[in-house]
PDB file of N, CA and C in Angstrom:
ATOM      1  N   MET A   1       1.190  -0.827   0.525  1.00  0.00           N
ATOM      2  CA  MET A   1       0.004   0.119   0.062  1.00  0.00           C
ATOM      3  C   MET A   1       0.894   1.038   0.170  1.00  0.00           C
ATOM      4  N   LYS A   2       0.558   2.218  -0.977  1.00  0.00           N
ATOM      5  CA  LYS A   2       1.149   3.524  -0.976  1.00  0.00           C
ATOM      6  C   LYS A   2       1.224   3.851  -0.304  1.00  0.00           C
ATOM      7  N   LYS A   3       2.079   5.224   0.912  1.00  0.00           N
ATOM      8  CA  LYS A   3       1.519   6.374   1.993  1.00  0.00           C
ATOM      9  C   LYS A   3       1.800   7.518   1.283  1.00  0.00           C
ATOM     10  N   LYS A   4       0.089   8.045   1.537  1.00  0.00           N
ATOM     11  CA  LYS A   4      -0.412   9.280   0.868  1.00  0.00           C
ATOM     12  C   LYS A   4       0.556  10.250   1.455  1.00  0.00           C
ATOM     13  N   THR A   5       1.279  10.518   0.787  1.00  0.00           N
ATOM     14  CA  THR A   5       2.071  12.300   0.570  1.00  0.00           C
ATOM     15  C   THR A   5       1.776  13.473   0.483  1.00  0.00           C
ATOM     16  N   ASN A   6       1.942  14.463   1.414  1.00  0.00           N
ATOM     17  CA  ASN A   6       1.877  15.911   1.502  1.00  0.00           C
ATOM     18  C   ASN A   6       2.473  16.835   0.760  1.00  0.00           C
ATOM     19  N   ASN A   7       2.018  17.875  -0.138  1.00  0.00           N
ATOM     20  CA  ASN A   7       2.420  18.425  -1.199  1.00  0.00           C
ATOM     21  C   ASN A   7       3.727  19.633  -0.536  1.00  0.00           C
ATOM     22  N   LEU A   8       2.639  19.773   0.711  1.00  0.00           N
ATOM     23  CA  LEU A   8       3.242  21.136   1.672  1.00  0.00           C
ATOM     24  C   LEU A   8       4.405  21.061   1.871  1.00  0.00           C
ATOM     25  N   THR A   9       5.511  22.303   1.822  1.00  0.00           N
ATOM     26  CA  THR A   9       6.221  22.311   2.704  1.00  0.00           C
ATOM     27  C   THR A   9       6.530  22.169   4.042  1.00  0.00           C
ATOM     28  N   ASP A  10       7.495  22.026   4.561  1.00  0.00           N
ATOM     29  CA  ASP A  10       7.703  21.426   6.203  1.00  0.00           C
ATOM     30  C   ASP A  10       8.223  22.669   6.390  1.00  0.00           C
ATOM     31  N   PHE A  11       7.934  23.806   7.276  1.00  0.00           N
ATOM     32  CA  PHE A  11       8.778  25.032   7.383  1.00  0.00           C
ATOM     33  C   PHE A  11       9.021  25.603   8.078  1.00  0.00           C
ATOM     34  N   SER A  12       9.390  23.886   9.177  1.00  0.00           N
ATOM     35  CA  SER A  12       9.847  24.175   9.962  1.00  0.00           C
ATOM     36  C   SER A  12      11.896  23.814  10.343  1.00  0.00           C
ATOM     37  N   LYS A  13      11.633  23.370   9.133  1.00  0.00           N
ATOM     38  CA  LYS A  13      13.482  22.860   8.584  1.00  0.00           C
ATOM     39  C   LYS A  13      13.839  24.224   7.540  1.00  0.00           C
ATOM     40  N   VAL A  14      13.333  25.075   7.144  1.00  0.00           N
ATOM     41  CA  VAL A  14      13.573  26.245   7.022  1.00  0.00           C
ATOM     42  C   VAL A  14      14.239  27.073   7.622  1.00  0.00           C
ATOM     43  N   LYS A  15      15.828  26.991   6.633  1.00  0.00           N
ATOM     44  CA  LYS A  15      16.365  28.055   7.713  1.00  0.00           C
ATOM     45  C   LYS A  15      16.344  29.829   7.150  1.00  0.00           C
ATOM     46  N   ILE A  16      15.672  30.273   7.929  1.00  0.00           N
ATOM     47  CA  ILE A  16      15.675  31.810   7.676  1.00  0.00           C
ATOM     48  C   ILE A  16      17.268  32.963   7.848  1.00  0.00           C
ATOM     49  N   ILE A  17      17.864  33.397   6.511  1.00  0.00           N
ATOM     50  CA  ILE A  17      18.846  34.151   6.762  1.00  0.00           C
ATOM     51  C   ILE A  17      18.067  35.605   7.161  1.00  0.00           C
ATOM     52  N   GLU A  18      19.536  36.243   8.082  1.00  0.00           N
ATOM     53  CA  GLU A  18      18.590  37.233   8.216  1.00  0.00           C
ATOM     54  C   GLU A  18      19.906  38.478   8.074  1.00  0.00           C
ATOM     55  N   GLU A  19      19.510  39.776   7.326  1.00  0.00           N
ATOM     56  CA  GLU A  19      19.764  39.967   6.427  1.00  0.00           C
ATOM     57  C   GLU A  19      20.567  41.598   7.587  1.00  0.00           C
ATOM     58  N   THR A  20      22.038  41.810   6.680  1.00  0.00           N
ATOM     59  CA  THR A  20      22.003  43.928   7.135  1.00  0.00           C
ATOM     60  C   THR A  20      22.042  44.337   5.955  1.00  0.00           C
ATOM     61  N   ARG A  21      22.777  45.732   6.485  1.00  0.00           N
ATOM     62  CA  ARG A  21      22.803  46.687   5.445  1.00  0.00           C
ATOM     63  C   ARG A  21      24.416  47.253   5.231  1.00  0.00           C
ATOM     64  N   ASN A  22      24.812  48.088   5.091  1.00  0.00           N
ATOM     65  CA  ASN A  22      26.114  48.818   5.250  1.00  0.00           C
ATOM     66  C   ASN A  22      25.406  50.104   5.582  1.00  0.00           C
ATOM     67  N   ILE A  23      25.390  51.167   6.841  1.00  0.00           N
ATOM     68  CA  ILE A  23      24.862  52.074   6.663  1.00  0.00           C
ATOM     69  C   ILE A  23      25.784  52.511   7.046  1.00  0.00           C
ATOM     70  N   SER A  24      27.186  52.966   6.748  1.00  0.00           N
ATOM     71  CA  SER A  24      28.375  53.419   6.693  1.00  0.00           C
ATOM     72  C   SER A  24      28.932  55.138   5.699  1.00  0.00           C
ATOM     73  N   GLU A  25      28.851  55.995   5.878  1.00  0.00           N
ATOM     74  CA  GLU A  25      28.577  56.953   4.551  1.00  0.00           C
ATOM     75  C   GLU A  25      29.634  56.873   3.286  1.00  0.00           C
ATOM     76  N   TRP A  26      30.628  55.309   3.861  1.00  0.00           N
ATOM     77  CA  TRP A  26      31.637  55.612   3.257  1.00  0.00           C
ATOM     78  C   TRP A  26      31.540  54.126   2.296  1.00  0.00           C
ATOM     79  N   ASN A  27      32.081  54.158   0.761  1.00  0.00           N
ATOM     80  CA  ASN A  27      31.743  53.082   0.349  1.00  0.00           C
ATOM     81  C   ASN A  27      32.195  51.827   0.496  1.00  0.00           C
ATOM     82  N   ILE A  28      31.621  50.449   0.833  1.00  0.00           N
ATOM     83  CA  ILE A  28      31.427  49.198   1.244  1.00  0.00           C
ATOM     84  C   ILE A  28      32.843  48.741   1.805  1.00  0.00           C
ATOM     85  N   VAL A  29      34.047  49.023   0.148  1.00  0.00           N
ATOM     86  CA  VAL A  29      35.057  48.553   0.280  1.00  0.00           C
ATOM     87  C   VAL A  29      36.268  49.386   1.831  1.00  0.00           C
ATOM     88  N   ASP A  30      35.488  50.731   1.749  1.00  0.00           N
ATOM     89  CA  ASP A  30      36.544  51.513   2.510  1.00  0.00           C
ATOM     90  C   ASP A  30      35.514  51.669   4.114  1.00  0.00           C
ATOM     91  N   GLY A  31      34.628  50.940   4.125  1.00  0.00           N
ATOM     92  CA  GLY A  31      33.911  51.587   5.691  1.00  0.00           C
ATOM     93  C   GLY A  31      32.561  50.298   5.308  1.00  0.00           C
ATOM     94  N   PHE A  32      32.619  49.716   6.479  1.00  0.00           N
ATOM     95  CA  PHE A  32      31.476  48.592   6.817  1.00  0.00           C
ATOM     96  C   PHE A  32      30.870  49.569   7.971  1.00  0.00           C
ATOM     97  N   LYS A  33      29.354  48.672   8.003  1.00  0.00           N
ATOM     98  CA  LYS A  33      29.097  49.776   9.587  1.00  0.00           C
ATOM     99  C   LYS A  33      27.413  48.992   9.811  1.00  0.00           C
ATOM    100  N   CYS A  34      27.358  47.859  10.524  1.00  0.00           N
ATOM    101  CA  CYS A  34      26.196  46.803  10.160  1.00  0.00           C
ATOM    102  C   CYS A  34      25.104  47.767  11.327  1.00  0.00           C
ATOM    103  N   GLU A  35      23.977  47.238  10.429  1.00  0.00           N
ATOM    104  CA  GLU A  35      22.817  47.927  10.283  1.00  0.00           C
ATOM    105  C   GLU A  35      22.081  47.619  11.793  1.00  0.00           C
ATOM    106  N   LYS A  36      22.156  46.471  11.730  1.00  0.00           N
ATOM    107  CA  LYS A  36      22.093  45.732  13.690  1.00  0.00           C
ATOM    108  C   LYS A  36      22.649  45.936  14.568  1.00  0.00           C
ATOM    109  N   CYS A  37      23.909  44.976  14.173  1.00  0.00           N
ATOM    110  CA  CYS A  37      24.969  44.849  15.645  1.00  0.00           C
ATOM    111  C   CYS A  37      25.675  46.423  15.921  1.00  0.00           C
ATOM    112  N   GLY A  38      25.955  46.861  14.944  1.00  0.00           N
ATOM    113  CA  GLY A  38      26.888  48.277  14.822  1.00  0.00           C
ATOM    114  C   GLY A  38      28.669  48.561  14.905  1.00  0.00           C
ATOM    115  N   THR A  39      28.561  47.155  14.471  1.00  0.00           N
ATOM    116  CA  THR A  39      29.579  46.809  14.074  1.00  0.00           C
ATOM    117  C   THR A  39      30.381  47.774  13.320  1.00  0.00           C
ATOM    118  N   GLU A  40      31.676  48.714  12.930  1.00  0.00           N
ATOM    119  CA  GLU A  40      32.566  49.311  12.245  1.00  0.00           C
ATOM    120  C   GLU A  40      33.805  48.352  12.198  1.00  0.00           C
ATOM    121  N   ILE A  41      33.809  48.426   9.935  1.00  0.00           N
ATOM    122  CA  ILE A  41      35.100  47.990  10.369  1.00  0.00           C
ATOM    123  C   ILE A  41      35.671  49.057   9.193  1.00  0.00           C
ATOM    124  N   ILE A  42      37.020  49.014   9.632  1.00  0.00           N
ATOM    125  CA  ILE A  42      37.644  50.717   8.182  1.00  0.00           C
ATOM    126  C   ILE A  42      38.476  49.778   6.907  1.00  0.00           C
ATOM    127  N   ASP A  43      38.789  50.199   6.220  1.00  0.00           N
ATOM    128  CA  ASP A  43      39.857  49.208   5.390  1.00  0.00           C
ATOM    129  C   ASP A  43      39.686  47.564   5.441  1.00  0.00           C
ATOM    130  N   TYR A  44      38.451  47.969   5.074  1.00  0.00           N
ATOM    131  CA  TYR A  44      38.275  45.792   5.029  1.00  0.00           C
ATOM    132  C   TYR A  44      39.304  45.573   3.954  1.00  0.00           C
ATOM    133  N   SER A  45      40.106  44.795   3.756  1.00  0.00           N
ATOM    134  CA  SER A  45      40.940  44.440   2.275  1.00  0.00           C
ATOM    135  C   SER A  45      40.921  43.060   2.489  1.00  0.00           C
ATOM    136  N   ARG A  46      42.054  42.445   1.873  1.00  0.00           N
ATOM    137  CA  ARG A  46      41.961  40.873   1.559  1.00  0.00           C
ATOM    138  C   ARG A  46      43.285  40.382   1.591  1.00  0.00           C
ATOM    139  N   ARG A  47      43.597  39.046   1.343  1.00  0.00           N
ATOM    140  CA  ARG A  47      45.029  39.462   1.849  1.00  0.00           C
ATOM    141  C   ARG A  47      45.343  38.074   0.862  1.00  0.00           C
ATOM    142  N   GLU A  48      46.273  37.282   0.111  1.00  0.00           N
ATOM    143  CA  GLU A  48      46.863  36.010  -0.189  1.00  0.00           C
ATOM    144  C   GLU A  48      48.452  35.721  -0.363  1.00  0.00           C
ATOM    145  N   VAL A  49      48.753  34.879  -0.113  1.00  0.00           N
ATOM    146  CA  VAL A  49      49.952  34.651   0.134  1.00  0.00           C
ATOM    147  C   VAL A  49      50.184  33.585  -1.310  1.00  0.00           C
ATOM    148  N   ASP A  50      50.529  34.185  -2.573  1.00  0.00           N
ATOM    149  CA  ASP A  50      51.333  32.897  -3.963  1.00  0.00           C
ATOM    150  C   ASP A  50      52.405  32.068  -3.022  1.00  0.00           C
ATOM    151  N   GLU A  51      51.701  30.838  -3.194  1.00  0.00           N
ATOM    152  CA  GLU A  51      52.052  29.798  -2.900  1.00  0.00           C
ATOM    153  C   GLU A  51      53.846  29.176  -3.291  1.00  0.00           C
ATOM    154  N   TYR A  52      53.857  29.748  -4.139  1.00  0.00           N
ATOM    155  CA  TYR A  52      54.958  29.805  -5.044  1.00  0.00           C
ATOM    156  C   TYR A  52      55.893  30.677  -5.369  1.00  0.00           C
ATOM    157  N   THR A  53      55.767  31.700  -5.116  1.00  0.00           N
ATOM    158  CA  THR A  53      56.365  33.125  -4.632  1.00  0.00           C
ATOM    159  C   THR A  53      56.375  33.231  -4.170  1.00  0.00           C
ATOM    160  N   GLY A  54      55.839  32.807  -2.661  1.00  0.00           N
ATOM    161  CA  GLY A  54      55.595  33.814  -0.595  1.00  0.00           C
ATOM    162  C   GLY A  54      55.223  35.321  -1.802  1.00  0.00           C
ATOM    163  N   GLU A  55      54.931  35.786  -2.565  1.00  0.00           N
ATOM    164  CA  GLU A  55      54.460  37.109  -2.524  1.00  0.00           C
ATOM    165  C   GLU A  55      52.833  37.549  -1.649  1.00  0.00           C
ATOM    166  N   VAL A  56      53.257  38.689  -1.991  1.00  0.00           N
ATOM    167  CA  VAL A  56      51.507  39.335  -0.821  1.00  0.00           C
ATOM    168  C   VAL A  56      50.650  39.750  -1.571  1.00  0.00           C
ATOM    169  N   TYR A  57      49.807  38.994  -1.728  1.00  0.00           N
ATOM    170  CA  TYR A  57      48.669  40.071  -2.881  1.00  0.00           C
ATOM    171  C   TYR A  57      47.430  40.942  -1.503  1.00  0.00           C
ATOM    172  N   GLU A  58      47.002  41.935  -1.482  1.00  0.00           N
ATOM    173  CA  GLU A  58      46.252  43.038  -0.945  1.00  0.00           C
ATOM    174  C   GLU A  58      45.092  43.405  -2.240  1.00  0.00           C
ATOM    175  N   TRP A  59      44.235  43.562  -2.117  1.00  0.00           N
ATOM    176  CA  TRP A  59      43.038  43.750  -2.589  1.00  0.00           C
ATOM    177  C   TRP A  59      41.804  44.875  -1.771  1.00  0.00           C
ATOM    178  N   GLU A  60      41.111  45.099  -1.822  1.00  0.00           N
ATOM    179  CA  GLU A  60      39.995  45.668  -1.136  1.00  0.00           C
ATOM    180  C   GLU A  60      39.591  44.746  -1.410  1.00  0.00           C
ATOM    181  N   TYR A  61      38.228  44.331  -0.951  1.00  0.00           N
ATOM    182  CA  TYR A  61      36.933  43.040  -0.912  1.00  0.00           C
ATOM    183  C   TYR A  61      36.145  43.727  -0.456  1.00  0.00           C
ATOM    184  N   THR A  62      34.090  42.853  -0.308  1.00  0.00           N
ATOM    185  CA  THR A  62      33.114  43.804  -0.153  1.00  0.00           C
ATOM    186  C   THR A  62      32.611  42.718   0.920  1.00  0.00           C
ATOM    187  N   PRO A  63      32.679  43.453   2.276  1.00  0.00           N
ATOM    188  CA  PRO A  63      32.536  41.779   3.127  1.00  0.00           C
ATOM    189  C   PRO A  63      31.129  40.932   2.788  1.00  0.00           C
ATOM    190  N   LYS A  64      30.020  39.906   3.100  1.00  0.00           N
ATOM    191  CA  LYS A  64      28.926  38.828   2.572  1.00  0.00           C
ATOM    192  C   LYS A  64      28.546  39.254   3.965  1.00  0.00           C
ATOM    193  N   TYR A  65      29.238  39.112   4.631  1.00  0.00           N
ATOM    194  CA  TYR A  65      28.293  38.356   5.815  1.00  0.00           C
ATOM    195  C   TYR A  65      28.668  39.579   7.129  1.00  0.00           C
ATOM    196  N   CYS A  66      28.440  40.001   8.108  1.00  0.00           N
ATOM    197  CA  CYS A  66      28.930  41.002   9.115  1.00  0.00           C
ATOM    198  C   CYS A  66      29.662  39.811   9.838  1.00  0.00           C
ATOM    199  N   PRO A  67      30.684  40.608  10.777  1.00  0.00           N
ATOM    200  CA  PRO A  67      31.652  39.417  10.995  1.00  0.00           C
ATOM    201  C   PRO A  67      31.560  39.318  12.666  1.00  0.00           C
ATOM    202  N   GLU A  68      30.288  39.931  13.064  1.00  0.00           N
ATOM    203  CA  GLU A  68      30.378  40.346  13.928  1.00  0.00           C
ATOM    204  C   GLU A  68      29.125  39.384  14.377  1.00  0.00           C
ATOM    205  N   CYS A  69      27.902  39.774  13.684  1.00  0.00           N
ATOM    206  CA  CYS A  69      26.636  39.448  14.572  1.00  0.00           C
ATOM    207  C   CYS A  69      26.058  38.314  12.513  1.00  0.00           C
ATOM    208  N   GLY A  70      26.900  37.864  11.888  1.00  0.00           N
ATOM    209  CA  GLY A  70      26.887  37.016  10.955  1.00  0.00           C
ATOM    210  C   GLY A  70      25.228  37.157  10.172  1.00  0.00           C
ATOM    211  N   ARG A  71      25.187  38.020   9.861  1.00  0.00           N
ATOM    212  CA  ARG A  71      23.601  38.799   9.120  1.00  0.00           C
ATOM    213  C   ARG A  71      24.348  38.574   7.504  1.00  0.00           C
ATOM    214  N   LYS A  72      23.637  38.524   6.622  1.00  0.00           N
ATOM    215  CA  LYS A  72      24.111  38.706   5.251  1.00  0.00           C
ATOM    216  C   LYS A  72      23.776  40.226   4.547  1.00  0.00           C
ATOM    217  N   VAL A  73      24.944  40.493   3.812  1.00  0.00           N
ATOM    218  CA  VAL A  73      24.919  41.709   3.789  1.00  0.00           C
ATOM    219  C   VAL A  73      24.435  42.189   2.441  1.00  0.00           C
ATOM    220  N   VAL A  74      23.035  42.874   2.419  1.00  0.00           N
ATOM    221  CA  VAL A  74      22.880  43.001   0.914  1.00  0.00           C
ATOM    222  C   VAL A  74      22.917  43.977   0.393  1.00  0.00           C
ATOM    223  N   ASP A  75      22.599  44.800  -0.795  1.00  0.00           N
ATOM    224  CA  ASP A  75      23.110  45.787  -1.244  1.00  0.00           C
ATOM    225  C   ASP A  75      21.264  46.513  -1.507  1.00  0.00           C
ATOM    226  N   GLU A  76      21.978  47.998  -1.513  1.00  0.00           N
ATOM    227  CA  GLU A  76      20.492  48.489  -1.286  1.00  0.00           C
ATOM    228  C   GLU A  76      19.790  48.883  -2.490  1.00  0.00           C
TER     229      GLU A  76
END
């Protein structure tokens, strides 16, 4: 006998991703301030070391998540 299935989504298993915006007056690569928790970061950059030459590369980086509260940063 076949079990009857329900086509409705079980929302108890859905993870809700909370969002925030950058409320800094600066461009997001120059300064980030979380709208929700107030964490402020200036000159956000990313560094990587070339594994063959050992040279360090640095470039501007746009945060995808707030490093303090973990909310996803959305564009305005």
